[in-house]
Amino acid sequence: MPHHEKPLDPALAQATALADLVDYQPASVVSRTLIKKSTGTVTLFAFDAGQELSEHTAPFDALVQVVEGAAEFTIGGSPVRLAAGQVVVMPADVPHAVRAAEPFKMLLTMIRS
């Protein structure tokens, strides 16, 4: 196994409520990497209300699944509001940003190949 890949957390090898794997922190964005491989990553985020990630690009496609709450995304200049249970794909090299109108959690799956 290449040294940049993390072994699977044994706690994740059992049925678990996704939202329970990361906790909100006041005025913060908290992340927990669930899977990290050379081919991609799966990361769970918890955003407190008002927190945001400013506009940026990524060289890979990314799938966002909102687990709890709701958030406002901007993808290629277009606003996209997502609520729990909804998904959106952020295409590679397209500018995107996210703002938490309320506390929310999202699962980000990035595929690198």
PDB file of N, CA and C in Angstrom:
ATOM      1  N   MET A   1       0.854  -1.178   0.000  1.00  0.00           N
ATOM      2  CA  MET A   1       0.000   0.000   0.000  1.00  0.00           C
ATOM      3  C   MET A   1       0.896   1.235   0.000  1.00  0.00           C
ATOM      4  N   PRO A   2       0.727   2.156  -0.961  1.00  0.00           N
ATOM      5  CA  PRO A   2       1.526   3.365  -0.942  1.00  0.00           C
ATOM      6  C   PRO A   2       1.351   4.099   0.383  1.00  0.00           C
ATOM      7  N   HIS A   3       2.407   4.728   0.859  1.00  0.00           N
ATOM      8  CA  HIS A   3       2.369   5.341   2.181  1.00  0.00           C
ATOM      9  C   HIS A   3       1.426   6.532   2.283  1.00  0.00           C
ATOM     10  N   HIS A   4       0.958   7.092   1.159  1.00  0.00           N
ATOM     11  CA  HIS A   4       0.037   8.225   1.225  1.00  0.00           C
ATOM     12  C   HIS A   4      -1.421   7.796   1.369  1.00  0.00           C
ATOM     13  N   GLU A   5      -1.667   6.491   1.344  1.00  0.00           N
ATOM     14  CA  GLU A   5      -3.030   6.003   1.520  1.00  0.00           C
ATOM     15  C   GLU A   5      -3.234   5.588   2.970  1.00  0.00           C
ATOM     16  N   LYS A   6      -4.367   6.030   3.529  1.00  0.00           N
ATOM     17  CA  LYS A   6      -4.672   5.695   4.914  1.00  0.00           C
ATOM     18  C   LYS A   6      -5.400   4.361   4.971  1.00  0.00           C
ATOM     19  N   PRO A   7      -5.088   3.537   5.973  1.00  0.00           N
ATOM     20  CA  PRO A   7      -5.878   2.320   6.145  1.00  0.00           C
ATOM     21  C   PRO A   7      -7.296   2.692   6.588  1.00  0.00           C
ATOM     22  N   LEU A   8      -8.237   1.818   6.314  1.00  0.00           N
ATOM     23  CA  LEU A   8      -9.618   2.071   6.703  1.00  0.00           C
ATOM     24  C   LEU A   8      -9.739   2.099   8.217  1.00  0.00           C
ATOM     25  N   ASP A   9     -10.448   3.085   8.730  1.00  0.00           N
ATOM     26  CA  ASP A   9     -10.742   3.188  10.152  1.00  0.00           C
ATOM     27  C   ASP A   9     -11.644   2.005  10.529  1.00  0.00           C
ATOM     28  N   PRO A  10     -11.221   1.149  11.462  1.00  0.00           N
ATOM     29  CA  PRO A  10     -12.041  -0.012  11.825  1.00  0.00           C
ATOM     30  C   PRO A  10     -13.459   0.365  12.252  1.00  0.00           C
ATOM     31  N   ALA A  11     -13.631   1.547  12.816  1.00  0.00           N
ATOM     32  CA  ALA A  11     -14.960   1.996  13.242  1.00  0.00           C
ATOM     33  C   ALA A  11     -15.898   2.160  12.050  1.00  0.00           C
ATOM     34  N   LEU A  12     -15.349   2.328  10.851  1.00  0.00           N
ATOM     35  CA  LEU A  12     -16.169   2.519   9.659  1.00  0.00           C
ATOM     36  C   LEU A  12     -16.567   1.195   9.013  1.00  0.00           C
ATOM     37  N   ALA A  13     -16.038   0.110   9.506  1.00  0.00           N
ATOM     38  CA  ALA A  13     -16.328  -1.196   8.925  1.00  0.00           C
ATOM     39  C   ALA A  13     -17.570  -1.821   9.547  1.00  0.00           C
ATOM     40  N   GLN A  14     -18.444  -0.985  10.060  1.00  0.00           N
ATOM     41  CA  GLN A  14     -19.719  -1.446  10.603  1.00  0.00           C
ATOM     42  C   GLN A  14     -20.785  -0.413  10.274  1.00  0.00           C
ATOM     43  N   ALA A  15     -22.043  -0.818  10.362  1.00  0.00           N
ATOM     44  CA  ALA A  15     -23.136   0.102  10.058  1.00  0.00           C
ATOM     45  C   ALA A  15     -23.101   1.287  11.022  1.00  0.00           C
ATOM     46  N   THR A  16     -23.111   2.489  10.456  1.00  0.00           N
ATOM     47  CA  THR A  16     -23.003   3.711  11.244  1.00  0.00           C
ATOM     48  C   THR A  16     -23.865   4.788  10.605  1.00  0.00           C
ATOM     49  N   ALA A  17     -24.498   5.602  11.417  1.00  0.00           N
ATOM     50  CA  ALA A  17     -25.240   6.747  10.888  1.00  0.00           C
ATOM     51  C   ALA A  17     -24.228   7.769  10.380  1.00  0.00           C
ATOM     52  N   LEU A  18     -24.309   8.091   9.106  1.00  0.00           N
ATOM     53  CA  LEU A  18     -23.331   8.983   8.483  1.00  0.00           C
ATOM     54  C   LEU A  18     -23.187  10.305   9.229  1.00  0.00           C
ATOM     55  N   ALA A  19     -24.300  10.925   9.587  1.00  0.00           N
ATOM     56  CA  ALA A  19     -24.251  12.236  10.250  1.00  0.00           C
ATOM     57  C   ALA A  19     -23.545  12.179  11.606  1.00  0.00           C
ATOM     58  N   ASP A  20     -23.489  10.995  12.209  1.00  0.00           N
ATOM     59  CA  ASP A  20     -22.858  10.873  13.529  1.00  0.00           C
ATOM     60  C   ASP A  20     -21.335  10.800  13.458  1.00  0.00           C
ATOM     61  N   LEU A  21     -20.780  10.710  12.256  1.00  0.00           N
ATOM     62  CA  LEU A  21     -19.332  10.542  12.120  1.00  0.00           C
ATOM     63  C   LEU A  21     -18.549  11.848  12.203  1.00  0.00           C
ATOM     64  N   VAL A  22     -19.258  12.972  12.217  1.00  0.00           N
ATOM     65  CA  VAL A  22     -18.585  14.266  12.373  1.00  0.00           C
ATOM     66  C   VAL A  22     -19.517  15.176  13.168  1.00  0.00           C
ATOM     67  N   ASP A  23     -18.937  15.966  14.060  1.00  0.00           N
ATOM     68  CA  ASP A  23     -19.725  16.854  14.918  1.00  0.00           C
ATOM     69  C   ASP A  23     -19.539  18.306  14.507  1.00  0.00           C
ATOM     70  N   TYR A  24     -20.574  19.106  14.732  1.00  0.00           N
ATOM     71  CA  TYR A  24     -20.466  20.548  14.518  1.00  0.00           C
ATOM     72  C   TYR A  24     -19.566  21.154  15.586  1.00  0.00           C
ATOM     73  N   GLN A  25     -18.825  22.185  15.190  1.00  0.00           N
ATOM     74  CA  GLN A  25     -18.042  22.986  16.122  1.00  0.00           C
ATOM     75  C   GLN A  25     -18.418  24.445  15.875  1.00  0.00           C
ATOM     76  N   PRO A  26     -18.580  25.248  16.926  1.00  0.00           N
ATOM     77  CA  PRO A  26     -18.989  26.645  16.746  1.00  0.00           C
ATOM     78  C   PRO A  26     -18.036  27.400  15.814  1.00  0.00           C
ATOM     79  N   ALA A  27     -18.629  28.138  14.872  1.00  0.00           N
ATOM     80  CA  ALA A  27     -17.880  29.011  13.958  1.00  0.00           C
ATOM     81  C   ALA A  27     -16.765  28.273  13.211  1.00  0.00           C
ATOM     82  N   SER A  28     -17.020  27.012  12.855  1.00  0.00           N
ATOM     83  CA  SER A  28     -15.972  26.204  12.228  1.00  0.00           C
ATOM     84  C   SER A  28     -16.515  25.325  11.116  1.00  0.00           C
ATOM     85  N   VAL A  29     -15.579  24.855  10.296  1.00  0.00           N
ATOM     86  CA  VAL A  29     -15.830  23.792   9.334  1.00  0.00           C
ATOM     87  C   VAL A  29     -14.973  22.616   9.803  1.00  0.00           C
ATOM     88  N   VAL A  30     -15.610  21.490  10.062  1.00  0.00           N
ATOM     89  CA  VAL A  30     -14.912  20.304  10.542  1.00  0.00           C
ATOM     90  C   VAL A  30     -14.958  19.257   9.435  1.00  0.00           C
ATOM     91  N   SER A  31     -13.851  18.559   9.197  1.00  0.00           N
ATOM     92  CA  SER A  31     -13.862  17.504   8.189  1.00  0.00           C
ATOM     93  C   SER A  31     -13.286  16.222   8.765  1.00  0.00           C
ATOM     94  N   ARG A  32     -13.760  15.121   8.226  1.00  0.00           N
ATOM     95  CA  ARG A  32     -13.240  13.802   8.595  1.00  0.00           C
ATOM     96  C   ARG A  32     -13.117  12.981   7.318  1.00  0.00           C
ATOM     97  N   THR A  33     -11.902  12.562   7.012  1.00  0.00           N
ATOM     98  CA  THR A  33     -11.667  11.739   5.834  1.00  0.00           C
ATOM     99  C   THR A  33     -12.066  10.305   6.151  1.00  0.00           C
ATOM    100  N   LEU A  34     -13.003   9.783   5.357  1.00  0.00           N
ATOM    101  CA  LEU A  34     -13.464   8.413   5.571  1.00  0.00           C
ATOM    102  C   LEU A  34     -12.673   7.419   4.741  1.00  0.00           C
ATOM    103  N   ILE A  35     -12.330   7.810   3.513  1.00  0.00           N
ATOM    104  CA  ILE A  35     -11.510   6.978   2.630  1.00  0.00           C
ATOM    105  C   ILE A  35     -10.530   7.901   1.914  1.00  0.00           C
ATOM    106  N   LYS A  36      -9.272   7.502   1.874  1.00  0.00           N
ATOM    107  CA  LYS A  36      -8.262   8.269   1.141  1.00  0.00           C
ATOM    108  C   LYS A  36      -7.404   7.290   0.360  1.00  0.00           C
ATOM    109  N   LYS A  37      -7.566   7.334  -0.956  1.00  0.00           N
ATOM    110  CA  LYS A  37      -6.815   6.460  -1.853  1.00  0.00           C
ATOM    111  C   LYS A  37      -6.246   7.313  -2.985  1.00  0.00           C
ATOM    112  N   SER A  38      -5.302   6.765  -3.723  1.00  0.00           N
ATOM    113  CA  SER A  38      -4.727   7.512  -4.841  1.00  0.00           C
ATOM    114  C   SER A  38      -5.785   7.808  -5.902  1.00  0.00           C
ATOM    115  N   THR A  39      -6.824   6.990  -5.968  1.00  0.00           N
ATOM    116  CA  THR A  39      -7.878   7.181  -6.969  1.00  0.00           C
ATOM    117  C   THR A  39      -8.971   8.141  -6.520  1.00  0.00           C
ATOM    118  N   GLY A  40      -8.988   8.501  -5.248  1.00  0.00           N
ATOM    119  CA  GLY A  40      -9.996   9.451  -4.789  1.00  0.00           C
ATOM    120  C   GLY A  40     -10.165   9.448  -3.290  1.00  0.00           C
ATOM    121  N   THR A  41     -11.020  10.361  -2.829  1.00  0.00           N
ATOM    122  CA  THR A  41     -11.263  10.495  -1.396  1.00  0.00           C
ATOM    123  C   THR A  41     -12.754  10.642  -1.128  1.00  0.00           C
ATOM    124  N   VAL A  42     -13.135  10.242   0.073  1.00  0.00           N
ATOM    125  CA  VAL A  42     -14.490  10.445   0.573  1.00  0.00           C
ATOM    126  C   VAL A  42     -14.329  11.162   1.912  1.00  0.00           C
ATOM    127  N   THR A  43     -14.876  12.376   1.995  1.00  0.00           N
ATOM    128  CA  THR A  43     -14.693  13.209   3.178  1.00  0.00           C
ATOM    129  C   THR A  43     -16.037  13.732   3.652  1.00  0.00           C
ATOM    130  N   LEU A  44     -16.270  13.660   4.947  1.00  0.00           N
ATOM    131  CA  LEU A  44     -17.490  14.164   5.555  1.00  0.00           C
ATOM    132  C   LEU A  44     -17.181  15.510   6.202  1.00  0.00           C
ATOM    133  N   PHE A  45     -18.025  16.495   5.945  1.00  0.00           N
ATOM    134  CA  PHE A  45     -17.839  17.849   6.478  1.00  0.00           C
ATOM    135  C   PHE A  45     -19.030  18.253   7.338  1.00  0.00           C
ATOM    136  N   ALA A  46     -18.773  19.044   8.375  1.00  0.00           N
ATOM    137  CA  ALA A  46     -19.822  19.696   9.162  1.00  0.00           C
ATOM    138  C   ALA A  46     -19.516  21.187   9.178  1.00  0.00           C
ATOM    139  N   PHE A  47     -20.423  21.982   8.641  1.00  0.00           N
ATOM    140  CA  PHE A  47     -20.281  23.437   8.599  1.00  0.00           C
ATOM    141  C   PHE A  47     -21.225  24.059   9.615  1.00  0.00           C
ATOM    142  N   ASP A  48     -20.717  24.931  10.466  1.00  0.00           N
ATOM    143  CA  ASP A  48     -21.614  25.698  11.322  1.00  0.00           C
ATOM    144  C   ASP A  48     -22.269  26.779  10.463  1.00  0.00           C
ATOM    145  N   ALA A  49     -23.406  27.282  10.907  1.00  0.00           N
ATOM    146  CA  ALA A  49     -24.115  28.332  10.165  1.00  0.00           C
ATOM    147  C   ALA A  49     -23.179  29.505   9.894  1.00  0.00           C
ATOM    148  N   GLY A  50     -23.226  30.018   8.669  1.00  0.00           N
ATOM    149  CA  GLY A  50     -22.419  31.176   8.290  1.00  0.00           C
ATOM    150  C   GLY A  50     -21.025  30.834   7.792  1.00  0.00           C
ATOM    151  N   GLN A  51     -20.616  29.585   7.942  1.00  0.00           N
ATOM    152  CA  GLN A  51     -19.281  29.201   7.475  1.00  0.00           C
ATOM    153  C   GLN A  51     -19.308  28.990   5.967  1.00  0.00           C
ATOM    154  N   GLU A  52     -18.158  29.198   5.334  1.00  0.00           N
ATOM    155  CA  GLU A  52     -18.104  29.036   3.887  1.00  0.00           C
ATOM    156  C   GLU A  52     -16.726  28.633   3.421  1.00  0.00           C
ATOM    157  N   LEU A  53     -16.701  28.102   2.220  1.00  0.00           N
ATOM    158  CA  LEU A  53     -15.451  27.886   1.498  1.00  0.00           C
ATOM    159  C   LEU A  53     -15.520  28.815   0.302  1.00  0.00           C
ATOM    160  N   SER A  54     -14.559  29.708   0.193  1.00  0.00           N
ATOM    161  CA  SER A  54     -14.575  30.682  -0.899  1.00  0.00           C
ATOM    162  C   SER A  54     -14.346  29.985  -2.235  1.00  0.00           C
ATOM    163  N   GLU A  55     -14.642  30.705  -3.298  1.00  0.00           N
ATOM    164  CA  GLU A  55     -14.579  30.115  -4.634  1.00  0.00           C
ATOM    165  C   GLU A  55     -13.194  29.553  -4.930  1.00  0.00           C
ATOM    166  N   HIS A  56     -13.183  28.354  -5.467  1.00  0.00           N
ATOM    167  CA  HIS A  56     -11.940  27.671  -5.829  1.00  0.00           C
ATOM    168  C   HIS A  56     -12.267  26.648  -6.916  1.00  0.00           C
ATOM    169  N   THR A  57     -11.224  26.060  -7.474  1.00  0.00           N
ATOM    170  CA  THR A  57     -11.422  24.990  -8.445  1.00  0.00           C
ATOM    171  C   THR A  57     -10.683  23.752  -7.947  1.00  0.00           C
ATOM    172  N   ALA A  58     -11.063  22.622  -8.489  1.00  0.00           N
ATOM    173  CA  ALA A  58     -10.368  21.366  -8.208  1.00  0.00           C
ATOM    174  C   ALA A  58     -10.127  20.680  -9.546  1.00  0.00           C
ATOM    175  N   PRO A  59      -9.028  19.959  -9.665  1.00  0.00           N
ATOM    176  CA  PRO A  59      -8.714  19.318 -10.948  1.00  0.00           C
ATOM    177  C   PRO A  59      -9.499  18.032 -11.195  1.00  0.00           C
ATOM    178  N   PHE A  60     -10.425  17.702 -10.285  1.00  0.00           N
ATOM    179  CA  PHE A  60     -11.175  16.447 -10.391  1.00  0.00           C
ATOM    180  C   PHE A  60     -12.653  16.707 -10.192  1.00  0.00           C
ATOM    181  N   ASP A  61     -13.489  15.857 -10.780  1.00  0.00           N
ATOM    182  CA  ASP A  61     -14.925  15.917 -10.509  1.00  0.00           C
ATOM    183  C   ASP A  61     -15.165  15.580  -9.037  1.00  0.00           C
ATOM    184  N   ALA A  62     -16.197  16.225  -8.470  1.00  0.00           N
ATOM    185  CA  ALA A  62     -16.551  15.952  -7.078  1.00  0.00           C
ATOM    186  C   ALA A  62     -18.060  15.839  -6.963  1.00  0.00           C
ATOM    187  N   LEU A  63     -18.504  14.831  -6.215  1.00  0.00           N
ATOM    188  CA  LEU A  63     -19.923  14.630  -5.941  1.00  0.00           C
ATOM    189  C   LEU A  63     -20.182  15.065  -4.507  1.00  0.00           C
ATOM    190  N   VAL A  64     -21.150  15.965  -4.339  1.00  0.00           N
ATOM    191  CA  VAL A  64     -21.550  16.424  -3.009  1.00  0.00           C
ATOM    192  C   VAL A  64     -22.911  15.831  -2.688  1.00  0.00           C
ATOM    193  N   GLN A  65     -23.027  15.235  -1.515  1.00  0.00           N
ATOM    194  CA  GLN A  65     -24.303  14.739  -0.996  1.00  0.00           C
ATOM    195  C   GLN A  65     -24.550  15.428   0.336  1.00  0.00           C
ATOM    196  N   VAL A  66     -25.646  16.187   0.425  1.00  0.00           N
ATOM    197  CA  VAL A  66     -25.969  16.841   1.687  1.00  0.00           C
ATOM    198  C   VAL A  66     -26.649  15.811   2.591  1.00  0.00           C
ATOM    199  N   VAL A  67     -26.087  15.661   3.787  1.00  0.00           N
ATOM    200  CA  VAL A  67     -26.521  14.650   4.738  1.00  0.00           C
ATOM    201  C   VAL A  67     -27.535  15.231   5.722  1.00  0.00           C
ATOM    202  N   GLU A  68     -27.336  16.498   6.069  1.00  0.00           N
ATOM    203  CA  GLU A  68     -28.152  17.137   7.106  1.00  0.00           C
ATOM    204  C   GLU A  68     -28.145  18.641   6.851  1.00  0.00           C
ATOM    205  N   GLY A  69     -29.288  19.297   7.054  1.00  0.00           N
ATOM    206  CA  GLY A  69     -29.357  20.739   6.872  1.00  0.00           C
ATOM    207  C   GLY A  69     -29.430  21.114   5.406  1.00  0.00           C
ATOM    208  N   ALA A  70     -28.957  22.323   5.091  1.00  0.00           N
ATOM    209  CA  ALA A  70     -28.991  22.831   3.719  1.00  0.00           C
ATOM    210  C   ALA A  70     -27.863  23.828   3.534  1.00  0.00           C
ATOM    211  N   ALA A  71     -27.477  24.021   2.272  1.00  0.00           N
ATOM    212  CA  ALA A  71     -26.375  24.937   1.966  1.00  0.00           C
ATOM    213  C   ALA A  71     -26.576  25.560   0.602  1.00  0.00           C
ATOM    214  N   GLU A  72     -25.882  26.656   0.388  1.00  0.00           N
ATOM    215  CA  GLU A  72     -25.910  27.372  -0.877  1.00  0.00           C
ATOM    216  C   GLU A  72     -24.571  27.176  -1.573  1.00  0.00           C
ATOM    217  N   PHE A  73     -24.608  26.552  -2.730  1.00  0.00           N
ATOM    218  CA  PHE A  73     -23.416  26.346  -3.535  1.00  0.00           C
ATOM    219  C   PHE A  73     -23.459  27.310  -4.711  1.00  0.00           C
ATOM    220  N   THR A  74     -22.305  27.676  -5.204  1.00  0.00           N
ATOM    221  CA  THR A  74     -22.186  28.398  -6.469  1.00  0.00           C
ATOM    222  C   THR A  74     -21.266  27.549  -7.331  1.00  0.00           C
ATOM    223  N   ILE A  75     -21.757  27.147  -8.491  1.00  0.00           N
ATOM    224  CA  ILE A  75     -20.976  26.284  -9.380  1.00  0.00           C
ATOM    225  C   ILE A  75     -20.943  26.947 -10.747  1.00  0.00           C
ATOM    226  N   GLY A  76     -19.766  27.363 -11.172  1.00  0.00           N
ATOM    227  CA  GLY A  76     -19.644  28.045 -12.449  1.00  0.00           C
ATOM    228  C   GLY A  76     -20.476  29.313 -12.507  1.00  0.00           C
ATOM    229  N   GLY A  77     -20.592  30.002 -11.369  1.00  0.00           N
ATOM    230  CA  GLY A  77     -21.326  31.260 -11.298  1.00  0.00           C
ATOM    231  C   GLY A  77     -22.820  31.109 -11.075  1.00  0.00           C
ATOM    232  N   SER A  78     -23.334  29.876 -11.094  1.00  0.00           N
ATOM    233  CA  SER A  78     -24.767  29.654 -10.902  1.00  0.00           C
ATOM    234  C   SER A  78     -25.059  29.183  -9.482  1.00  0.00           C
ATOM    235  N   PRO A  79     -26.077  29.779  -8.830  1.00  0.00           N
ATOM    236  CA  PRO A  79     -26.426  29.334  -7.483  1.00  0.00           C
ATOM    237  C   PRO A  79     -27.161  28.000  -7.504  1.00  0.00           C
ATOM    238  N   VAL A  80     -26.823  27.153  -6.546  1.00  0.00           N
ATOM    239  CA  VAL A  80     -27.476  25.851  -6.390  1.00  0.00           C
ATOM    240  C   VAL A  80     -27.729  25.667  -4.898  1.00  0.00           C
ATOM    241  N   ARG A  81     -29.002  25.536  -4.505  1.00  0.00           N
ATOM    242  CA  ARG A  81     -29.320  25.272  -3.099  1.00  0.00           C
ATOM    243  C   ARG A  81     -29.575  23.780  -2.940  1.00  0.00           C
ATOM    244  N   LEU A  82     -28.885  23.186  -1.980  1.00  0.00           N
ATOM    245  CA  LEU A  82     -29.027  21.758  -1.713  1.00  0.00           C
ATOM    246  C   LEU A  82     -29.519  21.547  -0.298  1.00  0.00           C
ATOM    247  N   ALA A  83     -30.441  20.613  -0.145  1.00  0.00           N
ATOM    248  CA  ALA A  83     -30.937  20.222   1.164  1.00  0.00           C
ATOM    249  C   ALA A  83     -30.615  18.754   1.391  1.00  0.00           C
ATOM    250  N   ALA A  84     -30.826  18.298   2.605  1.00  0.00           N
ATOM    251  CA  ALA A  84     -30.533  16.913   2.973  1.00  0.00           C
ATOM    252  C   ALA A  84     -31.151  15.946   1.969  1.00  0.00           C
ATOM    253  N   GLY A  85     -30.345  14.993   1.531  1.00  0.00           N
ATOM    254  CA  GLY A  85     -30.804  13.989   0.581  1.00  0.00           C
ATOM    255  C   GLY A  85     -30.545  14.358  -0.862  1.00  0.00           C
ATOM    256  N   GLN A  86     -30.104  15.586  -1.114  1.00  0.00           N
ATOM    257  CA  GLN A  86     -29.842  16.009  -2.489  1.00  0.00           C
ATOM    258  C   GLN A  86     -28.352  15.938  -2.806  1.00  0.00           C
ATOM    259  N   VAL A  87     -28.055  15.801  -4.102  1.00  0.00           N
ATOM    260  CA  VAL A  87     -26.673  15.704  -4.571  1.00  0.00           C
ATOM    261  C   VAL A  87     -26.451  16.663  -5.733  1.00  0.00           C
ATOM    262  N   VAL A  88     -25.188  17.008  -5.953  1.00  0.00           N
ATOM    263  CA  VAL A  88     -24.788  17.781  -7.117  1.00  0.00           C
ATOM    264  C   VAL A  88     -23.357  17.375  -7.465  1.00  0.00           C
ATOM    265  N   VAL A  89     -23.047  17.442  -8.745  1.00  0.00           N
ATOM    266  CA  VAL A  89     -21.676  17.202  -9.189  1.00  0.00           C
ATOM    267  C   VAL A  89     -21.026  18.546  -9.480  1.00  0.00           C
ATOM    268  N   MET A  90     -19.845  18.736  -8.930  1.00  0.00           N
ATOM    269  CA  MET A  90     -19.036  19.922  -9.227  1.00  0.00           C
ATOM    270  C   MET A  90     -17.964  19.461 -10.206  1.00  0.00           C
ATOM    271  N   PRO A  91     -18.099  19.871 -11.482  1.00  0.00           N
ATOM    272  CA  PRO A  91     -17.152  19.382 -12.493  1.00  0.00           C
ATOM    273  C   PRO A  91     -15.723  19.879 -12.265  1.00  0.00           C
ATOM    274  N   ALA A  92     -14.785  19.086 -12.703  1.00  0.00           N
ATOM    275  CA  ALA A  92     -13.371  19.462 -12.627  1.00  0.00           C
ATOM    276  C   ALA A  92     -13.148  20.807 -13.292  1.00  0.00           C
ATOM    277  N   ASP A  93     -12.296  21.612 -12.685  1.00  0.00           N
ATOM    278  CA  ASP A  93     -11.835  22.894 -13.228  1.00  0.00           C
ATOM    279  C   ASP A  93     -12.926  23.959 -13.343  1.00  0.00           C
ATOM    280  N   VAL A  94     -14.108  23.728 -12.770  1.00  0.00           N
ATOM    281  CA  VAL A  94     -15.174  24.740 -12.762  1.00  0.00           C
ATOM    282  C   VAL A  94     -15.185  25.383 -11.375  1.00  0.00           C
ATOM    283  N   PRO A  95     -15.085  26.722 -11.297  1.00  0.00           N
ATOM    284  CA  PRO A  95     -15.066  27.377  -9.984  1.00  0.00           C
ATOM    285  C   PRO A  95     -16.332  27.057  -9.190  1.00  0.00           C
ATOM    286  N   HIS A  96     -16.142  26.807  -7.889  1.00  0.00           N
ATOM    287  CA  HIS A  96     -17.278  26.543  -7.016  1.00  0.00           C
ATOM    288  C   HIS A  96     -16.991  27.074  -5.617  1.00  0.00           C
ATOM    289  N   ALA A  97     -18.075  27.325  -4.887  1.00  0.00           N
ATOM    290  CA  ALA A  97     -17.991  27.819  -3.519  1.00  0.00           C
ATOM    291  C   ALA A  97     -19.180  27.241  -2.763  1.00  0.00           C
ATOM    292  N   VAL A  98     -19.102  27.284  -1.431  1.00  0.00           N
ATOM    293  CA  VAL A  98     -20.211  26.801  -0.605  1.00  0.00           C
ATOM    294  C   VAL A  98     -20.362  27.692   0.617  1.00  0.00           C
ATOM    295  N   ARG A  99     -21.627  27.948   0.965  1.00  0.00           N
ATOM    296  CA  ARG A  99     -21.928  28.738   2.158  1.00  0.00           C
ATOM    297  C   ARG A  99     -23.037  28.040   2.931  1.00  0.00           C
ATOM    298  N   ALA A 100     -22.835  27.932   4.235  1.00  0.00           N
ATOM    299  CA  ALA A 100     -23.817  27.292   5.110  1.00  0.00           C
ATOM    300  C   ALA A 100     -24.801  28.338   5.619  1.00  0.00           C
ATOM    301  N   ALA A 101     -26.009  28.337   5.081  1.00  0.00           N
ATOM    302  CA  ALA A 101     -27.057  29.234   5.568  1.00  0.00           C
ATOM    303  C   ALA A 101     -27.521  28.790   6.959  1.00  0.00           C
ATOM    304  N   GLU A 102     -27.329  27.525   7.241  1.00  0.00           N
ATOM    305  CA  GLU A 102     -27.672  26.913   8.535  1.00  0.00           C
ATOM    306  C   GLU A 102     -26.630  25.825   8.756  1.00  0.00           C
ATOM    307  N   PRO A 103     -26.542  25.260   9.946  1.00  0.00           N
ATOM    308  CA  PRO A 103     -25.598  24.156  10.116  1.00  0.00           C
ATOM    309  C   PRO A 103     -25.938  23.038   9.126  1.00  0.00           C
ATOM    310  N   PHE A 104     -24.920  22.506   8.469  1.00  0.00           N
ATOM    311  CA  PHE A 104     -25.174  21.401   7.542  1.00  0.00           C
ATOM    312  C   PHE A 104     -23.969  20.482   7.462  1.00  0.00           C
ATOM    313  N   LYS A 105     -24.265  19.250   7.026  1.00  0.00           N
ATOM    314  CA  LYS A 105     -23.214  18.254   6.838  1.00  0.00           C
ATOM    315  C   LYS A 105     -23.289  17.746   5.412  1.00  0.00           C
ATOM    316  N   MET A 106     -22.122  17.533   4.824  1.00  0.00           N
ATOM    317  CA  MET A 106     -22.078  17.008   3.450  1.00  0.00           C
ATOM    318  C   MET A 106     -20.997  15.965   3.325  1.00  0.00           C
ATOM    319  N   LEU A 107     -21.256  15.014   2.418  1.00  0.00           N
ATOM    320  CA  LEU A 107     -20.284  14.005   2.068  1.00  0.00           C
ATOM    321  C   LEU A 107     -19.723  14.381   0.706  1.00  0.00           C
ATOM    322  N   LEU A 108     -18.415  14.524   0.620  1.00  0.00           N
ATOM    323  CA  LEU A 108     -17.744  14.905  -0.627  1.00  0.00           C
ATOM    324  C   LEU A 108     -16.953  13.708  -1.136  1.00  0.00           C
ATOM    325  N   THR A 109     -17.301  13.266  -2.341  1.00  0.00           N
ATOM    326  CA  THR A 109     -16.584  12.166  -2.983  1.00  0.00           C
ATOM    327  C   THR A 109     -15.845  12.728  -4.181  1.00  0.00           C
ATOM    328  N   MET A 110     -14.526  12.661  -4.136  1.00  0.00           N
ATOM    329  CA  MET A 110     -13.700  13.176  -5.229  1.00  0.00           C
ATOM    330  C   MET A 110     -13.016  12.003  -5.919  1.00  0.00           C
ATOM    331  N   ILE A 111     -13.200  11.930  -7.215  1.00  0.00           N
ATOM    332  CA  ILE A 111     -12.621  10.847  -8.006  1.00  0.00           C
ATOM    333  C   ILE A 111     -11.443  11.423  -8.793  1.00  0.00           C
ATOM    334  N   ARG A 112     -10.283  10.825  -8.625  1.00  0.00           N
ATOM    335  CA  ARG A 112      -9.059  11.370  -9.217  1.00  0.00           C
ATOM    336  C   ARG A 112      -8.664  10.694 -10.513  1.00  0.00           C
ATOM    337  N   SER A 113      -9.402   9.712 -10.969  1.00  0.00           N
ATOM    338  CA  SER A 113      -9.000   9.016 -12.189  1.00  0.00           C
ATOM    339  C   SER A 113     -10.210   8.691 -13.029  1.00  0.00           C
TER     340      SER A 113
END
